[in-house]
Amino acid sequence: MTAELIAWLHEQIDADEAAAAGRPATSWLPEGLSPDNPLAALYSPARTLAMRRDLLTAWRDPDRSGTQGQDGHDTDWPLRVLAATAYSDRPGYREEWAPADDEPA
């Protein structure tokens, strides 16, 4: 399942990157937040997309699904959280990818 989730997440990130291309940086800022405000960097699509790509890069072994890390959570938990919090409203999202109810959100 992790390999399918990773492939789907890559598609969503690619779509986000295409949507952000060519748009002025200020178009992503919430109303009232100026580009010179230090918080403006948090809304940078380049920063957000890079973080999401870095997270996916950390999963070089798509066969890790079902294994558990030291804290007892599935090792794919961060991927599940990313999918659920950023992309659950998009076509192709599967409810089975949602983090388990007993895992921290």
N, C-alpha and C. Protein backbone atom coordinates (compact mmCIF):
# COMPACT_ATOMS: atom_id res chain seq x y z
N MET A 1 0.81 -1.19 0.00
CA MET A 1 0.00 0.00 0.00
C MET A 1 0.86 1.26 0.00
N THR A 2 2.00 1.23 0.66
CA THR A 2 2.83 2.43 0.74
C THR A 2 3.29 2.89 -0.64
N ALA A 3 3.63 1.96 -1.52
CA ALA A 3 4.08 2.34 -2.86
C ALA A 3 2.97 3.09 -3.60
N GLU A 4 1.73 2.65 -3.46
CA GLU A 4 0.61 3.34 -4.11
C GLU A 4 0.39 4.72 -3.50
N LEU A 5 0.50 4.81 -2.19
CA LEU A 5 0.35 6.10 -1.51
C LEU A 5 1.43 7.07 -1.94
N ILE A 6 2.67 6.60 -2.02
CA ILE A 6 3.78 7.46 -2.44
C ILE A 6 3.57 7.94 -3.88
N ALA A 7 3.18 7.05 -4.76
CA ALA A 7 2.95 7.43 -6.16
C ALA A 7 1.83 8.48 -6.24
N TRP A 8 0.76 8.27 -5.49
CA TRP A 8 -0.35 9.22 -5.50
C TRP A 8 0.07 10.57 -4.93
N LEU A 9 0.85 10.55 -3.85
CA LEU A 9 1.33 11.80 -3.26
C LEU A 9 2.23 12.56 -4.24
N HIS A 10 3.09 11.85 -4.95
CA HIS A 10 3.92 12.50 -5.97
C HIS A 10 3.05 13.20 -7.01
N GLU A 11 1.98 12.55 -7.43
CA GLU A 11 1.06 13.16 -8.41
C GLU A 11 0.44 14.44 -7.85
N GLN A 12 0.06 14.43 -6.57
CA GLN A 12 -0.57 15.59 -5.96
C GLN A 12 0.43 16.74 -5.83
N ILE A 13 1.65 16.43 -5.46
CA ILE A 13 2.69 17.45 -5.32
C ILE A 13 3.03 18.04 -6.68
N ASP A 14 3.11 17.18 -7.70
CA ASP A 14 3.35 17.67 -9.06
C ASP A 14 2.24 18.62 -9.49
N ALA A 15 0.99 18.28 -9.16
CA ALA A 15 -0.14 19.14 -9.51
C ALA A 15 -0.05 20.48 -8.77
N ASP A 16 0.36 20.45 -7.51
CA ASP A 16 0.53 21.69 -6.74
C ASP A 16 1.62 22.56 -7.37
N GLU A 17 2.70 21.92 -7.77
CA GLU A 17 3.81 22.66 -8.38
C GLU A 17 3.37 23.32 -9.69
N ALA A 18 2.60 22.61 -10.48
CA ALA A 18 2.10 23.17 -11.74
C ALA A 18 1.16 24.35 -11.46
N ALA A 19 0.34 24.23 -10.43
CA ALA A 19 -0.59 25.32 -10.09
C ALA A 19 0.16 26.55 -9.59
N ALA A 20 1.28 26.34 -8.92
CA ALA A 20 2.05 27.46 -8.36
C ALA A 20 2.93 28.14 -9.40
N ALA A 21 3.26 27.44 -10.47
CA ALA A 21 4.18 27.98 -11.47
C ALA A 21 3.64 29.27 -12.08
N GLY A 22 4.50 30.25 -12.12
CA GLY A 22 4.15 31.50 -12.77
C GLY A 22 3.28 32.44 -11.97
N ARG A 23 2.86 32.04 -10.80
CA ARG A 23 2.04 32.93 -9.98
C ARG A 23 2.95 33.77 -9.09
N PRO A 24 2.62 35.03 -8.89
CA PRO A 24 3.46 35.88 -8.03
C PRO A 24 3.45 35.37 -6.59
N ALA A 25 4.58 35.51 -5.93
CA ALA A 25 4.72 35.01 -4.56
C ALA A 25 3.67 35.60 -3.63
N THR A 26 3.29 36.82 -3.86
CA THR A 26 2.32 37.45 -2.96
C THR A 26 0.92 36.87 -3.11
N SER A 27 0.65 36.14 -4.18
CA SER A 27 -0.68 35.56 -4.37
C SER A 27 -0.97 34.46 -3.35
N TRP A 28 0.05 33.95 -2.69
CA TRP A 28 -0.13 32.87 -1.73
C TRP A 28 -0.27 33.37 -0.31
N LEU A 29 -0.08 34.64 -0.11
CA LEU A 29 -0.12 35.18 1.24
C LEU A 29 -1.56 35.43 1.69
N PRO A 30 -1.85 35.13 2.96
CA PRO A 30 -3.17 35.47 3.49
C PRO A 30 -3.35 36.99 3.50
N GLU A 31 -4.57 37.42 3.41
CA GLU A 31 -4.86 38.84 3.42
C GLU A 31 -4.29 39.48 4.69
N GLY A 32 -3.61 40.60 4.52
CA GLY A 32 -3.04 41.32 5.64
C GLY A 32 -1.60 40.95 5.98
N LEU A 33 -1.07 39.91 5.35
CA LEU A 33 0.31 39.51 5.60
C LEU A 33 1.17 40.02 4.45
N SER A 34 2.12 40.88 4.77
CA SER A 34 2.96 41.48 3.74
C SER A 34 4.17 40.59 3.45
N PRO A 35 4.74 40.70 2.24
CA PRO A 35 5.90 39.88 1.87
C PRO A 35 7.12 40.09 2.77
N ASP A 36 7.23 41.25 3.42
CA ASP A 36 8.39 41.49 4.27
C ASP A 36 8.21 40.95 5.69
N ASN A 37 7.06 40.41 6.00
CA ASN A 37 6.81 39.79 7.30
C ASN A 37 7.54 38.45 7.34
N PRO A 38 8.28 38.14 8.42
CA PRO A 38 8.99 36.86 8.49
C PRO A 38 8.08 35.63 8.35
N LEU A 39 6.82 35.78 8.69
CA LEU A 39 5.90 34.66 8.56
C LEU A 39 5.53 34.37 7.10
N ALA A 40 5.80 35.31 6.21
CA ALA A 40 5.45 35.12 4.80
C ALA A 40 6.14 33.90 4.22
N ALA A 41 7.34 33.59 4.68
CA ALA A 41 8.08 32.43 4.16
C ALA A 41 7.33 31.12 4.40
N LEU A 42 6.52 31.07 5.44
CA LEU A 42 5.76 29.85 5.74
C LEU A 42 4.73 29.53 4.65
N TYR A 43 4.36 30.53 3.88
CA TYR A 43 3.35 30.34 2.84
C TYR A 43 3.94 30.13 1.46
N SER A 44 5.24 30.06 1.37
CA SER A 44 5.90 29.88 0.09
C SER A 44 5.61 28.50 -0.49
N PRO A 45 5.02 28.44 -1.69
CA PRO A 45 4.78 27.13 -2.29
C PRO A 45 6.07 26.34 -2.48
N ALA A 46 7.16 27.01 -2.84
CA ALA A 46 8.43 26.30 -3.04
C ALA A 46 8.87 25.61 -1.75
N ARG A 47 8.72 26.30 -0.64
CA ARG A 47 9.11 25.72 0.65
C ARG A 47 8.22 24.53 1.01
N THR A 48 6.93 24.71 0.85
CA THR A 48 5.99 23.64 1.18
C THR A 48 6.20 22.42 0.29
N LEU A 49 6.34 22.65 -1.01
CA LEU A 49 6.54 21.53 -1.93
C LEU A 49 7.86 20.82 -1.67
N ALA A 50 8.91 21.57 -1.36
CA ALA A 50 10.21 20.96 -1.07
C ALA A 50 10.12 20.08 0.17
N MET A 51 9.42 20.55 1.20
CA MET A 51 9.26 19.76 2.42
C MET A 51 8.52 18.46 2.12
N ARG A 52 7.49 18.57 1.33
CA ARG A 52 6.71 17.37 1.00
C ARG A 52 7.52 16.40 0.15
N ARG A 53 8.29 16.90 -0.78
CA ARG A 53 9.16 16.02 -1.58
C ARG A 53 10.24 15.37 -0.71
N ASP A 54 10.79 16.13 0.22
CA ASP A 54 11.79 15.56 1.13
C ASP A 54 11.21 14.43 1.96
N LEU A 55 9.98 14.61 2.40
CA LEU A 55 9.33 13.55 3.17
C LEU A 55 9.19 12.28 2.34
N LEU A 56 8.80 12.44 1.09
CA LEU A 56 8.66 11.27 0.23
C LEU A 56 10.01 10.62 -0.08
N THR A 57 11.03 11.43 -0.21
CA THR A 57 12.37 10.90 -0.47
C THR A 57 12.84 10.02 0.68
N ALA A 58 12.39 10.33 1.88
CA ALA A 58 12.77 9.54 3.05
C ALA A 58 12.26 8.10 2.95
N TRP A 59 11.27 7.88 2.12
CA TRP A 59 10.71 6.54 1.95
C TRP A 59 11.25 5.92 0.68
N ARG A 60 12.51 5.56 0.70
CA ARG A 60 13.16 4.96 -0.47
C ARG A 60 12.76 3.49 -0.64
N ASP A 61 12.27 2.89 0.41
CA ASP A 61 11.90 1.48 0.37
C ASP A 61 10.39 1.36 0.48
N PRO A 62 9.68 1.24 -0.66
CA PRO A 62 8.22 1.18 -0.61
C PRO A 62 7.67 -0.08 0.03
N ASP A 63 8.53 -1.04 0.34
CA ASP A 63 8.07 -2.28 0.97
C ASP A 63 8.03 -2.19 2.49
N ARG A 64 8.24 -1.00 3.05
CA ARG A 64 8.24 -0.85 4.50
C ARG A 64 6.84 -0.85 5.10
N SER A 65 5.83 -0.83 4.27
CA SER A 65 4.46 -0.80 4.77
C SER A 65 4.22 -1.98 5.71
N GLY A 66 3.59 -1.70 6.82
CA GLY A 66 3.27 -2.75 7.78
C GLY A 66 4.32 -2.92 8.85
N THR A 67 5.49 -2.32 8.70
CA THR A 67 6.49 -2.42 9.75
C THR A 67 6.26 -1.29 10.73
N GLN A 68 6.80 -1.42 11.92
CA GLN A 68 6.61 -0.39 12.92
C GLN A 68 7.94 0.18 13.35
N GLY A 69 7.93 1.47 13.64
CA GLY A 69 9.11 2.14 14.14
C GLY A 69 9.25 1.93 15.63
N GLN A 70 10.23 2.59 16.24
CA GLN A 70 10.50 2.42 17.66
C GLN A 70 9.34 2.85 18.54
N ASP A 71 8.56 3.81 18.09
CA ASP A 71 7.44 4.28 18.91
C ASP A 71 6.19 3.43 18.74
N GLY A 72 6.26 2.37 17.94
CA GLY A 72 5.14 1.47 17.76
C GLY A 72 4.17 1.91 16.67
N HIS A 73 4.39 3.05 16.04
CA HIS A 73 3.52 3.50 14.96
C HIS A 73 4.02 2.96 13.63
N ASP A 74 3.12 2.81 12.70
CA ASP A 74 3.52 2.39 11.37
C ASP A 74 4.53 3.39 10.82
N THR A 75 5.54 2.89 10.12
CA THR A 75 6.57 3.77 9.59
C THR A 75 6.05 4.67 8.48
N ASP A 76 4.89 4.34 7.92
CA ASP A 76 4.32 5.19 6.89
C ASP A 76 3.36 6.24 7.47
N TRP A 77 3.32 6.36 8.78
CA TRP A 77 2.42 7.30 9.44
C TRP A 77 2.57 8.73 8.93
N PRO A 78 3.79 9.28 8.78
CA PRO A 78 3.89 10.65 8.26
C PRO A 78 3.29 10.80 6.86
N LEU A 79 3.41 9.78 6.02
CA LEU A 79 2.82 9.85 4.69
C LEU A 79 1.30 9.86 4.78
N ARG A 80 0.77 9.07 5.69
CA ARG A 80 -0.67 9.03 5.88
C ARG A 80 -1.20 10.38 6.38
N VAL A 81 -0.45 10.99 7.28
CA VAL A 81 -0.85 12.30 7.80
C VAL A 81 -0.81 13.34 6.69
N LEU A 82 0.25 13.34 5.88
CA LEU A 82 0.34 14.27 4.76
C LEU A 82 -0.85 14.10 3.82
N ALA A 83 -1.15 12.87 3.45
CA ALA A 83 -2.26 12.62 2.54
C ALA A 83 -3.58 13.08 3.15
N ALA A 84 -3.78 12.79 4.42
CA ALA A 84 -5.05 13.12 5.07
C ALA A 84 -5.22 14.61 5.31
N THR A 85 -4.15 15.30 5.66
CA THR A 85 -4.29 16.72 6.00
C THR A 85 -4.19 17.63 4.80
N ALA A 86 -3.45 17.23 3.78
CA ALA A 86 -3.25 18.12 2.64
C ALA A 86 -4.07 17.74 1.41
N TYR A 87 -4.42 16.48 1.27
CA TYR A 87 -4.97 16.04 -0.01
C TYR A 87 -6.22 15.16 0.08
N SER A 88 -6.81 15.00 1.25
CA SER A 88 -7.94 14.07 1.37
C SER A 88 -9.16 14.47 0.56
N ASP A 89 -9.21 15.72 0.12
CA ASP A 89 -10.35 16.18 -0.68
C ASP A 89 -10.13 15.98 -2.18
N ARG A 90 -9.04 15.36 -2.56
CA ARG A 90 -8.73 15.20 -3.98
C ARG A 90 -9.13 13.81 -4.48
N PRO A 91 -9.45 13.74 -5.79
CA PRO A 91 -9.79 12.43 -6.37
C PRO A 91 -8.64 11.44 -6.18
N GLY A 92 -8.99 10.22 -5.87
CA GLY A 92 -7.99 9.17 -5.70
C GLY A 92 -7.59 8.92 -4.27
N TYR A 93 -7.95 9.83 -3.36
CA TYR A 93 -7.61 9.60 -1.95
C TYR A 93 -8.42 8.41 -1.45
N ARG A 94 -7.76 7.56 -0.67
CA ARG A 94 -8.41 6.37 -0.13
C ARG A 94 -8.51 6.50 1.39
N GLU A 95 -9.66 6.23 1.91
CA GLU A 95 -9.87 6.31 3.37
C GLU A 95 -8.94 5.34 4.11
N GLU A 96 -8.54 4.26 3.48
CA GLU A 96 -7.64 3.30 4.11
C GLU A 96 -6.25 3.91 4.38
N TRP A 97 -5.95 5.03 3.74
CA TRP A 97 -4.67 5.72 3.95
C TRP A 97 -4.71 6.60 5.19
N ALA A 98 -5.87 6.87 5.73
CA ALA A 98 -5.97 7.75 6.90
C ALA A 98 -5.21 7.15 8.06
N PRO A 99 -4.57 8.01 8.89
CA PRO A 99 -3.88 7.48 10.07
C PRO A 99 -4.88 6.77 10.97
N ALA A 100 -4.43 5.75 11.66
CA ALA A 100 -5.30 5.00 12.56
C ALA A 100 -5.78 5.91 13.69
N ASP A 101 -6.95 5.63 14.21
CA ASP A 101 -7.53 6.44 15.27
C ASP A 101 -6.68 6.47 16.54
N ASP A 102 -5.90 5.43 16.77
CA ASP A 102 -5.09 5.38 17.98
C ASP A 102 -3.71 6.02 17.81
N GLU A 103 -3.43 6.59 16.64
CA GLU A 103 -2.17 7.28 16.40
C GLU A 103 -2.37 8.76 16.61
N PRO A 104 -1.33 9.45 17.07
CA PRO A 104 -1.47 10.89 17.22
C PRO A 104 -1.61 11.57 15.86
N ALA A 105 -2.39 12.61 15.81
CA ALA A 105 -2.58 13.32 14.53
C ALA A 105 -1.68 14.53 14.44
